[in-house]
């Protein structure tokens, strides 16, 4: 078993479980699959290291409830949530609750592999580094125009482009332009990274 631990895949869709298991195993990672959050929780006492990749919408217990249960049990495994189209609000909530990343389906193999590897070997960050990173992010945010900041706030809240357009009284195309500018100025490659940046900045 690799020193970094096991990747626990939790999804009620058997095809998703098997395809992810194949992808991660082929990359040399140890994998264990679970058909539900409840079945995974039964095994928590024997889990010592690794990370969790879980769907956010599942019958019985969804990914958010699983995350809350892990926190209650003081199980500090990095959690990556998989979301379907339109579930960004849930994904943002998951990240606010401590998820390390969220990935929208369908996703490409490299996106998933990169996220899992980062979760298994998190960077070592001390307080000084964290403060410096927060300050750098705050400086980027200060460069945003008023409309760009409004779009940023709504993106981080989990709103879709069409919802943002309606709330701000602008066209979806204008929202897309502001969103592109936000991503560039914030130096974010994905929405999950953007959310993480804002959470870091607000923690200082």
N, C-alpha and C. Protein backbone atom coordinates (compact mmCIF):
# COMPACT_ATOMS: atom_id res chain seq x y z
N UNK A 1 0.85 -1.20 0.00
CA UNK A 1 0.00 0.00 0.00
C UNK A 1 0.88 1.25 0.00
N UNK A 2 0.61 2.24 -0.87
CA UNK A 2 1.42 3.44 -0.92
C UNK A 2 1.38 4.19 0.39
N UNK A 3 2.46 4.87 0.71
CA UNK A 3 2.56 5.57 1.99
C UNK A 3 1.50 6.64 2.13
N UNK A 4 1.05 7.21 1.00
CA UNK A 4 0.11 8.31 1.10
C UNK A 4 -1.30 7.85 1.41
N UNK A 5 -1.55 6.55 1.43
CA UNK A 5 -2.86 6.05 1.81
C UNK A 5 -3.74 5.67 0.63
N UNK A 6 -5.00 5.42 0.98
CA UNK A 6 -5.97 4.89 0.02
C UNK A 6 -6.93 5.99 -0.44
N UNK A 7 -7.28 5.95 -1.71
CA UNK A 7 -8.30 6.84 -2.25
C UNK A 7 -9.64 6.12 -2.11
N UNK A 8 -10.54 6.68 -1.32
CA UNK A 8 -11.85 6.08 -1.11
C UNK A 8 -12.86 6.74 -2.04
N UNK A 9 -13.37 5.97 -2.97
CA UNK A 9 -14.34 6.46 -3.95
C UNK A 9 -15.74 6.11 -3.48
N UNK A 10 -16.59 7.13 -3.33
CA UNK A 10 -17.95 6.91 -2.84
C UNK A 10 -18.93 7.47 -3.87
N UNK A 11 -19.69 6.56 -4.49
CA UNK A 11 -20.67 6.97 -5.50
C UNK A 11 -21.69 5.85 -5.65
N UNK A 12 -22.95 6.21 -5.77
CA UNK A 12 -23.99 5.18 -5.92
C UNK A 12 -24.07 4.64 -7.34
N UNK A 13 -23.34 5.26 -8.26
CA UNK A 13 -23.32 4.81 -9.66
C UNK A 13 -22.15 3.84 -9.85
N UNK A 14 -22.46 2.59 -10.12
CA UNK A 14 -21.41 1.57 -10.24
C UNK A 14 -20.44 1.88 -11.38
N UNK A 15 -20.95 2.40 -12.50
CA UNK A 15 -20.08 2.73 -13.63
C UNK A 15 -19.05 3.79 -13.25
N UNK A 16 -19.50 4.79 -12.48
CA UNK A 16 -18.59 5.84 -12.04
C UNK A 16 -17.54 5.27 -11.11
N UNK A 17 -17.98 4.45 -10.17
CA UNK A 17 -17.03 3.84 -9.23
C UNK A 17 -15.96 3.04 -9.95
N UNK A 18 -16.40 2.20 -10.88
CA UNK A 18 -15.45 1.32 -11.56
C UNK A 18 -14.50 2.09 -12.47
N UNK A 19 -15.02 3.08 -13.19
CA UNK A 19 -14.16 3.84 -14.10
C UNK A 19 -13.14 4.67 -13.32
N UNK A 20 -13.56 5.24 -12.19
CA UNK A 20 -12.62 6.01 -11.37
C UNK A 20 -11.57 5.09 -10.75
N UNK A 21 -12.02 3.93 -10.29
CA UNK A 21 -11.09 2.97 -9.70
C UNK A 21 -10.04 2.55 -10.71
N UNK A 22 -10.46 2.32 -11.95
CA UNK A 22 -9.53 1.93 -13.00
C UNK A 22 -8.53 3.05 -13.28
N UNK A 23 -9.04 4.28 -13.39
CA UNK A 23 -8.18 5.43 -13.66
C UNK A 23 -7.12 5.60 -12.59
N UNK A 24 -7.54 5.59 -11.34
CA UNK A 24 -6.61 5.85 -10.24
C UNK A 24 -5.65 4.67 -10.01
N UNK A 25 -6.17 3.46 -10.16
CA UNK A 25 -5.31 2.27 -10.01
C UNK A 25 -4.23 2.25 -11.09
N UNK A 26 -4.61 2.61 -12.33
CA UNK A 26 -3.66 2.64 -13.43
C UNK A 26 -2.56 3.68 -13.19
N UNK A 27 -2.88 4.69 -12.37
CA UNK A 27 -1.89 5.72 -12.05
C UNK A 27 -1.05 5.32 -10.84
N UNK A 28 -1.25 4.10 -10.35
CA UNK A 28 -0.43 3.60 -9.26
C UNK A 28 -0.94 3.93 -7.87
N UNK A 29 -2.21 4.33 -7.78
CA UNK A 29 -2.77 4.69 -6.48
C UNK A 29 -3.60 3.54 -5.90
N UNK A 30 -3.57 3.41 -4.60
CA UNK A 30 -4.40 2.41 -3.93
C UNK A 30 -5.83 2.93 -3.85
N UNK A 31 -6.79 2.09 -4.19
CA UNK A 31 -8.18 2.53 -4.28
C UNK A 31 -9.10 1.56 -3.54
N UNK A 32 -10.12 2.12 -2.93
CA UNK A 32 -11.19 1.30 -2.35
C UNK A 32 -12.51 1.95 -2.71
N UNK A 33 -13.47 1.17 -3.19
CA UNK A 33 -14.74 1.74 -3.63
C UNK A 33 -15.85 1.44 -2.62
N UNK A 34 -16.82 2.36 -2.55
CA UNK A 34 -17.94 2.25 -1.62
C UNK A 34 -19.20 2.70 -2.36
N UNK A 35 -20.26 1.94 -2.21
CA UNK A 35 -21.49 2.26 -2.94
C UNK A 35 -22.36 3.29 -2.24
N UNK A 36 -22.02 3.63 -1.00
CA UNK A 36 -22.79 4.64 -0.28
C UNK A 36 -21.94 5.26 0.82
N UNK A 37 -22.38 6.44 1.28
CA UNK A 37 -21.68 7.10 2.37
C UNK A 37 -21.82 6.30 3.66
N UNK A 38 -22.97 5.68 3.83
CA UNK A 38 -23.21 4.89 5.04
C UNK A 38 -22.25 3.71 5.12
N UNK A 39 -22.06 3.01 4.01
CA UNK A 39 -21.15 1.86 4.01
C UNK A 39 -19.71 2.31 4.26
N UNK A 40 -19.35 3.47 3.76
CA UNK A 40 -18.00 4.00 3.99
C UNK A 40 -17.80 4.32 5.46
N UNK A 41 -18.80 4.96 6.09
CA UNK A 41 -18.67 5.37 7.49
C UNK A 41 -18.47 4.17 8.41
N UNK A 42 -19.00 3.03 8.04
CA UNK A 42 -18.84 1.83 8.86
C UNK A 42 -17.37 1.40 8.94
N UNK A 43 -16.60 1.79 7.92
CA UNK A 43 -15.20 1.39 7.87
C UNK A 43 -14.24 2.45 8.41
N UNK A 44 -14.77 3.62 8.77
CA UNK A 44 -13.94 4.73 9.20
C UNK A 44 -12.97 4.37 10.32
N UNK A 45 -13.38 3.59 11.33
CA UNK A 45 -12.43 3.29 12.42
C UNK A 45 -11.13 2.62 11.97
N UNK A 46 -11.16 1.92 10.83
CA UNK A 46 -9.95 1.24 10.38
C UNK A 46 -9.15 2.03 9.36
N UNK A 47 -9.63 3.23 9.01
CA UNK A 47 -8.96 4.06 8.02
C UNK A 47 -7.97 4.99 8.72
N UNK A 48 -6.73 4.97 8.27
CA UNK A 48 -5.69 5.78 8.91
C UNK A 48 -5.21 6.94 8.06
N UNK A 49 -5.21 6.78 6.76
CA UNK A 49 -4.73 7.85 5.90
C UNK A 49 -5.35 7.72 4.52
N UNK A 50 -5.18 8.74 3.71
CA UNK A 50 -5.72 8.72 2.35
C UNK A 50 -6.59 9.93 2.10
N UNK A 51 -7.54 9.79 1.19
CA UNK A 51 -8.46 10.86 0.88
C UNK A 51 -9.79 10.27 0.41
N UNK A 52 -10.80 11.13 0.31
CA UNK A 52 -12.14 10.71 -0.08
C UNK A 52 -12.54 11.44 -1.35
N UNK A 53 -13.04 10.69 -2.32
CA UNK A 53 -13.64 11.28 -3.52
C UNK A 53 -15.10 10.86 -3.51
N UNK A 54 -16.00 11.79 -3.29
CA UNK A 54 -17.40 11.44 -3.13
C UNK A 54 -18.32 12.25 -4.03
N UNK A 55 -19.35 11.59 -4.52
CA UNK A 55 -20.40 12.30 -5.24
C UNK A 55 -21.14 13.16 -4.23
N UNK A 56 -21.68 14.28 -4.68
CA UNK A 56 -22.37 15.16 -3.74
C UNK A 56 -23.85 14.81 -3.62
N UNK A 57 -24.41 14.17 -4.67
CA UNK A 57 -25.82 13.78 -4.63
C UNK A 57 -25.91 12.25 -4.61
N UNK A 58 -26.33 11.72 -3.46
CA UNK A 58 -26.48 10.28 -3.32
C UNK A 58 -27.70 10.01 -2.45
N UNK A 59 -28.39 8.89 -2.67
CA UNK A 59 -29.53 8.55 -1.81
C UNK A 59 -29.06 8.17 -0.41
N UNK A 60 -29.94 8.37 0.56
CA UNK A 60 -29.61 8.00 1.93
C UNK A 60 -28.82 9.07 2.64
N UNK A 61 -27.58 9.23 2.28
CA UNK A 61 -26.72 10.26 2.85
C UNK A 61 -25.91 10.88 1.72
N UNK A 62 -26.07 12.20 1.52
CA UNK A 62 -25.35 12.84 0.42
C UNK A 62 -23.94 13.25 0.86
N UNK A 63 -23.20 13.81 -0.08
CA UNK A 63 -21.81 14.16 0.19
C UNK A 63 -21.64 15.19 1.27
N UNK A 64 -22.58 16.16 1.37
CA UNK A 64 -22.48 17.19 2.40
C UNK A 64 -22.69 16.59 3.79
N UNK A 65 -23.68 15.70 3.92
CA UNK A 65 -23.93 15.07 5.21
C UNK A 65 -22.75 14.18 5.60
N UNK A 66 -22.17 13.48 4.62
CA UNK A 66 -20.99 12.67 4.88
C UNK A 66 -19.87 13.54 5.43
N UNK A 67 -19.67 14.68 4.82
CA UNK A 67 -18.63 15.60 5.25
C UNK A 67 -18.86 16.05 6.69
N UNK A 68 -20.11 16.36 7.01
CA UNK A 68 -20.44 16.78 8.38
C UNK A 68 -20.18 15.65 9.38
N UNK A 69 -20.52 14.42 9.00
CA UNK A 69 -20.30 13.28 9.87
C UNK A 69 -18.80 13.05 10.12
N UNK A 70 -18.00 13.22 9.08
CA UNK A 70 -16.56 13.05 9.24
C UNK A 70 -16.00 14.10 10.21
N UNK A 71 -16.51 15.32 10.12
CA UNK A 71 -16.06 16.37 11.03
C UNK A 71 -16.46 16.03 12.46
N UNK A 72 -17.69 15.53 12.63
CA UNK A 72 -18.16 15.15 13.97
C UNK A 72 -17.31 14.03 14.56
N UNK A 73 -16.90 13.11 13.70
CA UNK A 73 -16.09 11.98 14.15
C UNK A 73 -14.61 12.32 14.25
N UNK A 74 -14.28 13.57 13.89
CA UNK A 74 -12.89 14.05 13.92
C UNK A 74 -11.99 13.21 13.01
N UNK A 75 -12.55 12.87 11.86
CA UNK A 75 -11.80 12.16 10.83
C UNK A 75 -11.31 13.20 9.83
N UNK A 76 -10.01 13.42 9.79
CA UNK A 76 -9.47 14.52 9.00
C UNK A 76 -8.89 14.04 7.67
N UNK A 77 -9.72 13.39 6.88
CA UNK A 77 -9.32 12.98 5.54
C UNK A 77 -9.67 14.08 4.55
N UNK A 78 -8.77 14.43 3.64
CA UNK A 78 -9.11 15.41 2.60
C UNK A 78 -10.29 14.89 1.78
N UNK A 79 -11.24 15.76 1.48
CA UNK A 79 -12.44 15.37 0.74
C UNK A 79 -12.52 16.14 -0.57
N UNK A 80 -12.68 15.40 -1.65
CA UNK A 80 -12.95 15.98 -2.98
C UNK A 80 -14.38 15.61 -3.33
N UNK A 81 -15.20 16.60 -3.69
CA UNK A 81 -16.59 16.31 -4.05
C UNK A 81 -16.76 16.38 -5.56
N UNK A 82 -17.53 15.45 -6.08
CA UNK A 82 -17.89 15.45 -7.50
C UNK A 82 -19.31 15.98 -7.63
N UNK A 83 -19.50 16.90 -8.55
CA UNK A 83 -20.81 17.52 -8.71
C UNK A 83 -21.31 17.38 -10.13
N UNK A 84 -22.63 17.37 -10.24
CA UNK A 84 -23.24 17.39 -11.56
C UNK A 84 -23.46 18.83 -11.99
N UNK A 85 -23.94 19.01 -13.20
CA UNK A 85 -24.21 20.35 -13.72
C UNK A 85 -25.26 21.03 -12.85
N UNK A 86 -24.98 22.26 -12.43
CA UNK A 86 -25.96 23.00 -11.64
C UNK A 86 -25.82 22.81 -10.14
N UNK A 87 -24.82 22.04 -9.72
CA UNK A 87 -24.63 21.78 -8.28
C UNK A 87 -23.52 22.63 -7.67
N UNK A 88 -23.20 23.74 -8.31
CA UNK A 88 -22.09 24.56 -7.83
C UNK A 88 -22.37 25.09 -6.43
N UNK A 89 -23.63 25.44 -6.14
CA UNK A 89 -23.98 25.94 -4.80
C UNK A 89 -23.61 24.93 -3.73
N UNK A 90 -23.92 23.66 -4.00
CA UNK A 90 -23.59 22.60 -3.05
C UNK A 90 -22.07 22.43 -2.93
N UNK A 91 -21.38 22.54 -4.06
CA UNK A 91 -19.93 22.39 -4.05
C UNK A 91 -19.27 23.50 -3.24
N UNK A 92 -19.77 24.72 -3.39
CA UNK A 92 -19.23 25.84 -2.63
C UNK A 92 -19.47 25.61 -1.13
N UNK A 93 -20.66 25.12 -0.78
CA UNK A 93 -20.93 24.82 0.63
C UNK A 93 -19.95 23.76 1.15
N UNK A 94 -19.68 22.76 0.32
CA UNK A 94 -18.75 21.71 0.72
C UNK A 94 -17.36 22.30 0.97
N UNK A 95 -16.93 23.20 0.13
CA UNK A 95 -15.61 23.81 0.31
C UNK A 95 -15.58 24.70 1.55
N UNK A 96 -16.67 25.37 1.83
CA UNK A 96 -16.74 26.18 3.05
C UNK A 96 -16.66 25.29 4.29
N UNK A 97 -17.11 24.05 4.12
CA UNK A 97 -17.06 23.10 5.23
C UNK A 97 -15.74 22.33 5.28
N UNK A 98 -14.81 22.67 4.37
CA UNK A 98 -13.48 22.07 4.46
C UNK A 98 -13.07 21.16 3.33
N UNK A 99 -13.93 20.94 2.33
CA UNK A 99 -13.53 20.13 1.18
C UNK A 99 -12.33 20.78 0.51
N UNK A 100 -11.40 19.96 0.02
CA UNK A 100 -10.19 20.51 -0.59
C UNK A 100 -10.39 20.87 -2.05
N UNK A 101 -11.43 20.32 -2.68
CA UNK A 101 -11.66 20.60 -4.10
C UNK A 101 -13.04 20.11 -4.49
N UNK A 102 -13.55 20.63 -5.59
CA UNK A 102 -14.72 20.04 -6.21
C UNK A 102 -14.50 19.95 -7.71
N UNK A 103 -15.03 18.90 -8.28
CA UNK A 103 -14.84 18.64 -9.70
C UNK A 103 -16.19 18.40 -10.34
N UNK A 104 -16.49 19.14 -11.40
CA UNK A 104 -17.77 19.00 -12.07
C UNK A 104 -17.72 17.87 -13.09
N UNK A 105 -18.76 17.06 -13.09
CA UNK A 105 -18.91 16.01 -14.10
C UNK A 105 -19.48 16.61 -15.37
N UNK A 106 -19.10 16.12 -16.53
CA UNK A 106 -18.01 15.15 -16.74
C UNK A 106 -16.65 15.85 -16.63
N UNK A 107 -15.65 15.14 -16.16
CA UNK A 107 -14.34 15.72 -15.98
C UNK A 107 -13.32 14.90 -16.77
N UNK A 108 -12.20 15.52 -17.09
CA UNK A 108 -11.16 14.77 -17.80
C UNK A 108 -10.27 14.07 -16.79
N UNK A 109 -9.60 13.04 -17.24
CA UNK A 109 -8.80 12.20 -16.35
C UNK A 109 -7.73 12.99 -15.59
N UNK A 110 -7.05 13.88 -16.28
CA UNK A 110 -5.93 14.60 -15.65
C UNK A 110 -6.42 15.52 -14.54
N UNK A 111 -7.61 16.09 -14.72
CA UNK A 111 -8.17 16.95 -13.67
C UNK A 111 -8.37 16.16 -12.39
N UNK A 112 -8.94 14.97 -12.53
CA UNK A 112 -9.17 14.13 -11.35
C UNK A 112 -7.85 13.67 -10.74
N UNK A 113 -6.93 13.22 -11.56
CA UNK A 113 -5.65 12.74 -11.05
C UNK A 113 -4.90 13.85 -10.31
N UNK A 114 -4.91 15.04 -10.86
CA UNK A 114 -4.21 16.17 -10.21
C UNK A 114 -4.83 16.49 -8.86
N UNK A 115 -6.17 16.48 -8.82
CA UNK A 115 -6.87 16.79 -7.57
C UNK A 115 -6.58 15.75 -6.50
N UNK A 116 -6.59 14.47 -6.89
CA UNK A 116 -6.34 13.39 -5.93
C UNK A 116 -4.90 13.44 -5.42
N UNK A 117 -3.96 13.65 -6.32
CA UNK A 117 -2.56 13.70 -5.89
C UNK A 117 -2.32 14.87 -4.94
N UNK A 118 -2.95 16.00 -5.21
CA UNK A 118 -2.80 17.16 -4.33
C UNK A 118 -3.42 16.89 -2.97
N UNK A 119 -4.52 16.14 -2.96
CA UNK A 119 -5.19 15.81 -1.69
C UNK A 119 -4.36 14.84 -0.87
N UNK A 120 -3.70 13.90 -1.54
CA UNK A 120 -2.90 12.90 -0.84
C UNK A 120 -1.61 13.47 -0.26
N UNK A 121 -1.06 14.45 -0.95
CA UNK A 121 0.19 15.05 -0.47
C UNK A 121 -0.01 16.57 -0.40
N UNK A 122 -0.75 17.04 0.60
CA UNK A 122 -1.03 18.48 0.71
C UNK A 122 0.25 19.26 0.98
N UNK A 123 0.32 20.49 0.49
CA UNK A 123 1.52 21.31 0.73
C UNK A 123 1.65 21.66 2.20
N UNK A 124 2.87 21.75 2.67
CA UNK A 124 3.13 22.16 4.06
C UNK A 124 3.17 23.69 4.09
N UNK A 125 2.18 24.27 4.78
CA UNK A 125 2.08 25.74 4.81
C UNK A 125 2.08 26.20 6.26
N UNK A 126 3.04 27.08 6.61
CA UNK A 126 3.06 27.61 7.98
C UNK A 126 2.24 28.90 8.03
N UNK A 127 2.12 29.46 9.22
CA UNK A 127 1.28 30.65 9.40
C UNK A 127 1.76 31.83 8.57
N UNK A 128 3.07 31.99 8.47
CA UNK A 128 3.62 33.11 7.70
C UNK A 128 3.28 32.96 6.22
N UNK A 129 3.41 31.75 5.70
CA UNK A 129 3.08 31.50 4.30
C UNK A 129 1.59 31.74 4.05
N UNK A 130 0.76 31.29 5.00
CA UNK A 130 -0.68 31.44 4.85
C UNK A 130 -1.07 32.92 4.84
N UNK A 131 -0.44 33.68 5.72
CA UNK A 131 -0.73 35.12 5.78
C UNK A 131 -0.28 35.81 4.50
N UNK A 132 0.89 35.44 4.00
CA UNK A 132 1.41 36.04 2.77
C UNK A 132 0.50 35.71 1.59
N UNK A 133 0.01 34.46 1.55
CA UNK A 133 -0.88 34.05 0.46
C UNK A 133 -2.20 34.82 0.54
N UNK A 134 -2.73 34.96 1.74
CA UNK A 134 -3.98 35.69 1.91
C UNK A 134 -3.83 37.14 1.48
N UNK A 135 -2.68 37.74 1.84
CA UNK A 135 -2.42 39.13 1.46
C UNK A 135 -2.33 39.27 -0.06
N UNK A 136 -1.66 38.33 -0.72
CA UNK A 136 -1.52 38.37 -2.18
C UNK A 136 -2.90 38.25 -2.84
N UNK A 137 -3.73 37.39 -2.31
CA UNK A 137 -5.08 37.23 -2.88
C UNK A 137 -5.91 38.49 -2.68
N UNK A 138 -5.81 39.09 -1.50
CA UNK A 138 -6.53 40.32 -1.22
C UNK A 138 -6.10 41.44 -2.17
N UNK A 139 -4.81 41.47 -2.50
CA UNK A 139 -4.31 42.49 -3.43
C UNK A 139 -4.88 42.27 -4.83
N UNK A 140 -5.02 41.00 -5.24
CA UNK A 140 -5.63 40.71 -6.54
C UNK A 140 -7.10 41.13 -6.54
N UNK A 141 -7.78 40.85 -5.44
CA UNK A 141 -9.20 41.22 -5.35
C UNK A 141 -9.38 42.73 -5.42
N UNK A 142 -8.42 43.46 -4.88
CA UNK A 142 -8.49 44.93 -4.89
C UNK A 142 -8.39 45.49 -6.30
N UNK A 143 -7.85 44.69 -7.24
CA UNK A 143 -7.69 45.13 -8.62
C UNK A 143 -8.98 44.97 -9.43
N UNK A 144 -9.95 44.28 -8.88
CA UNK A 144 -11.20 44.05 -9.60
C UNK A 144 -12.04 45.32 -9.64
N UNK A 145 -12.73 45.52 -10.74
CA UNK A 145 -13.67 46.64 -10.83
C UNK A 145 -14.91 46.31 -10.00
N UNK A 146 -15.76 47.31 -9.81
CA UNK A 146 -17.00 47.10 -9.06
C UNK A 146 -17.84 45.96 -9.62
N UNK A 147 -18.15 45.99 -10.93
CA UNK A 147 -18.93 44.90 -11.52
C UNK A 147 -18.25 43.54 -11.42
N UNK A 148 -16.92 43.53 -11.57
CA UNK A 148 -16.19 42.26 -11.47
C UNK A 148 -16.28 41.70 -10.06
N UNK A 149 -16.21 42.57 -9.06
CA UNK A 149 -16.31 42.11 -7.67
C UNK A 149 -17.71 41.57 -7.38
N UNK A 150 -18.72 42.20 -7.97
CA UNK A 150 -20.09 41.70 -7.79
C UNK A 150 -20.24 40.30 -8.39
N UNK A 151 -19.65 40.10 -9.55
CA UNK A 151 -19.68 38.78 -10.19
C UNK A 151 -18.91 37.78 -9.36
N UNK A 152 -17.75 38.17 -8.85
CA UNK A 152 -16.95 37.28 -8.00
C UNK A 152 -17.76 36.82 -6.80
N UNK A 153 -18.38 37.77 -6.11
CA UNK A 153 -19.15 37.43 -4.91
C UNK A 153 -20.25 36.43 -5.22
N UNK A 154 -20.89 36.59 -6.36
CA UNK A 154 -21.99 35.69 -6.72
C UNK A 154 -21.48 34.33 -7.21
N UNK A 155 -20.33 34.33 -7.85
CA UNK A 155 -19.72 33.06 -8.25
C UNK A 155 -19.37 32.22 -7.02
N UNK A 156 -18.79 32.89 -6.04
CA UNK A 156 -18.38 32.20 -4.82
C UNK A 156 -19.60 31.74 -4.01
N UNK A 157 -20.72 32.43 -4.21
CA UNK A 157 -21.96 32.01 -3.55
C UNK A 157 -22.59 30.81 -4.25
N UNK A 158 -22.05 30.49 -5.44
CA UNK A 158 -22.54 29.33 -6.17
C UNK A 158 -23.56 29.64 -7.26
N UNK A 159 -23.76 30.92 -7.56
CA UNK A 159 -24.75 31.30 -8.56
C UNK A 159 -24.25 31.02 -9.97
N UNK A 160 -25.16 30.57 -10.82
CA UNK A 160 -24.84 30.35 -12.23
C UNK A 160 -24.84 31.67 -12.98
N UNK A 161 -24.23 31.68 -14.16
CA UNK A 161 -24.13 32.91 -14.95
C UNK A 161 -25.49 33.55 -15.22
N UNK A 162 -26.48 32.73 -15.56
CA UNK A 162 -27.81 33.26 -15.87
C UNK A 162 -28.44 33.90 -14.65
N UNK A 163 -28.23 33.31 -13.48
CA UNK A 163 -28.77 33.88 -12.24
C UNK A 163 -28.08 35.20 -11.94
N UNK A 164 -26.77 35.24 -12.11
CA UNK A 164 -26.01 36.47 -11.87
C UNK A 164 -26.49 37.57 -12.81
N UNK A 165 -26.70 37.22 -14.07
CA UNK A 165 -27.16 38.20 -15.06
C UNK A 165 -28.50 38.79 -14.64
N UNK A 166 -29.40 37.93 -14.18
CA UNK A 166 -30.73 38.38 -13.75
C UNK A 166 -30.63 39.28 -12.53
N UNK A 167 -29.81 38.90 -11.56
CA UNK A 167 -29.68 39.68 -10.33
C UNK A 167 -29.05 41.04 -10.56
N UNK A 168 -28.09 41.09 -11.49
CA UNK A 168 -27.37 42.35 -11.74
C UNK A 168 -27.99 43.17 -12.87
N UNK A 169 -28.97 42.59 -13.56
CA UNK A 169 -29.62 43.32 -14.65
C UNK A 169 -28.72 43.52 -15.86
N UNK A 170 -27.87 42.52 -16.12
CA UNK A 170 -26.99 42.59 -17.29
C UNK A 170 -27.17 41.31 -18.10
N UNK A 171 -26.56 41.27 -19.28
CA UNK A 171 -26.72 40.10 -20.14
C UNK A 171 -25.79 38.97 -19.70
N UNK A 172 -26.18 37.71 -19.98
CA UNK A 172 -25.29 36.59 -19.67
C UNK A 172 -23.92 36.75 -20.32
N UNK A 173 -23.89 37.32 -21.51
CA UNK A 173 -22.62 37.53 -22.19
C UNK A 173 -21.72 38.48 -21.40
N UNK A 174 -22.32 39.54 -20.84
CA UNK A 174 -21.54 40.47 -20.02
C UNK A 174 -21.00 39.78 -18.78
N UNK A 175 -21.82 38.91 -18.19
CA UNK A 175 -21.37 38.14 -17.03
C UNK A 175 -20.16 37.29 -17.42
N UNK A 176 -20.23 36.65 -18.59
CA UNK A 176 -19.12 35.82 -19.06
C UNK A 176 -17.83 36.64 -19.20
N UNK A 177 -17.97 37.86 -19.71
CA UNK A 177 -16.80 38.73 -19.89
C UNK A 177 -16.22 39.10 -18.52
N UNK A 178 -17.09 39.51 -17.59
CA UNK A 178 -16.62 39.84 -16.24
C UNK A 178 -15.98 38.63 -15.58
N UNK A 179 -16.59 37.46 -15.78
CA UNK A 179 -16.08 36.24 -15.17
C UNK A 179 -14.68 35.92 -15.70
N UNK A 180 -14.48 36.09 -16.99
CA UNK A 180 -13.17 35.84 -17.58
C UNK A 180 -12.13 36.80 -17.01
N UNK A 181 -12.52 38.06 -16.84
CA UNK A 181 -11.60 39.05 -16.26
C UNK A 181 -11.26 38.70 -14.82
N UNK A 182 -12.26 38.24 -14.07
CA UNK A 182 -12.05 37.85 -12.68
C UNK A 182 -11.04 36.70 -12.60
N UNK A 183 -11.24 35.69 -13.45
CA UNK A 183 -10.35 34.53 -13.42
C UNK A 183 -8.92 34.94 -13.76
N UNK A 184 -8.78 35.85 -14.72
CA UNK A 184 -7.45 36.31 -15.12
C UNK A 184 -6.78 37.12 -14.03
N UNK A 185 -7.50 38.09 -13.48
CA UNK A 185 -6.92 38.94 -12.45
C UNK A 185 -6.63 38.18 -11.16
N UNK A 186 -7.46 37.21 -10.85
CA UNK A 186 -7.25 36.41 -9.63
C UNK A 186 -6.23 35.29 -9.85
N UNK A 187 -5.86 35.06 -11.12
CA UNK A 187 -4.91 33.99 -11.48
C UNK A 187 -5.45 32.62 -11.06
N UNK A 188 -6.74 32.42 -11.33
CA UNK A 188 -7.40 31.17 -10.99
C UNK A 188 -7.67 30.36 -12.26
N UNK A 189 -7.37 29.07 -12.21
CA UNK A 189 -7.57 28.21 -13.36
C UNK A 189 -8.93 27.52 -13.37
N UNK A 190 -9.62 27.56 -12.23
CA UNK A 190 -10.91 26.88 -12.14
C UNK A 190 -11.78 27.58 -11.10
N UNK A 191 -13.07 27.28 -11.12
CA UNK A 191 -13.97 27.88 -10.15
C UNK A 191 -13.63 27.41 -8.74
N UNK A 192 -13.26 26.14 -8.60
CA UNK A 192 -12.92 25.64 -7.26
C UNK A 192 -11.70 26.37 -6.71
N UNK A 193 -10.73 26.66 -7.55
CA UNK A 193 -9.55 27.40 -7.10
C UNK A 193 -9.93 28.82 -6.70
N UNK A 194 -10.85 29.42 -7.45
CA UNK A 194 -11.31 30.77 -7.14
C UNK A 194 -12.01 30.79 -5.78
N UNK A 195 -12.87 29.81 -5.54
CA UNK A 195 -13.57 29.72 -4.25
C UNK A 195 -12.56 29.55 -3.13
N UNK A 196 -11.56 28.69 -3.34
CA UNK A 196 -10.55 28.45 -2.32
C UNK A 196 -9.79 29.74 -2.01
N UNK A 197 -9.48 30.52 -3.05
CA UNK A 197 -8.76 31.77 -2.85
C UNK A 197 -9.56 32.72 -1.96
N UNK A 198 -10.84 32.86 -2.26
CA UNK A 198 -11.67 33.79 -1.48
C UNK A 198 -11.79 33.32 -0.04
N UNK A 199 -11.88 32.03 0.17
CA UNK A 199 -11.95 31.51 1.53
C UNK A 199 -10.66 31.80 2.30
N UNK A 200 -9.52 31.65 1.60
CA UNK A 200 -8.23 31.95 2.23
C UNK A 200 -8.15 33.44 2.60
N UNK A 201 -8.57 34.29 1.65
CA UNK A 201 -8.49 35.73 1.88
C UNK A 201 -9.40 36.15 3.03
N UNK A 202 -10.56 35.54 3.15
CA UNK A 202 -11.51 35.94 4.19
C UNK A 202 -11.15 35.36 5.57
N UNK A 203 -10.20 34.42 5.58
CA UNK A 203 -9.82 33.81 6.86
C UNK A 203 -8.81 34.65 7.62
N UNK A 204 -8.25 35.66 6.97
CA UNK A 204 -7.24 36.51 7.62
C UNK A 204 -7.84 37.81 8.13
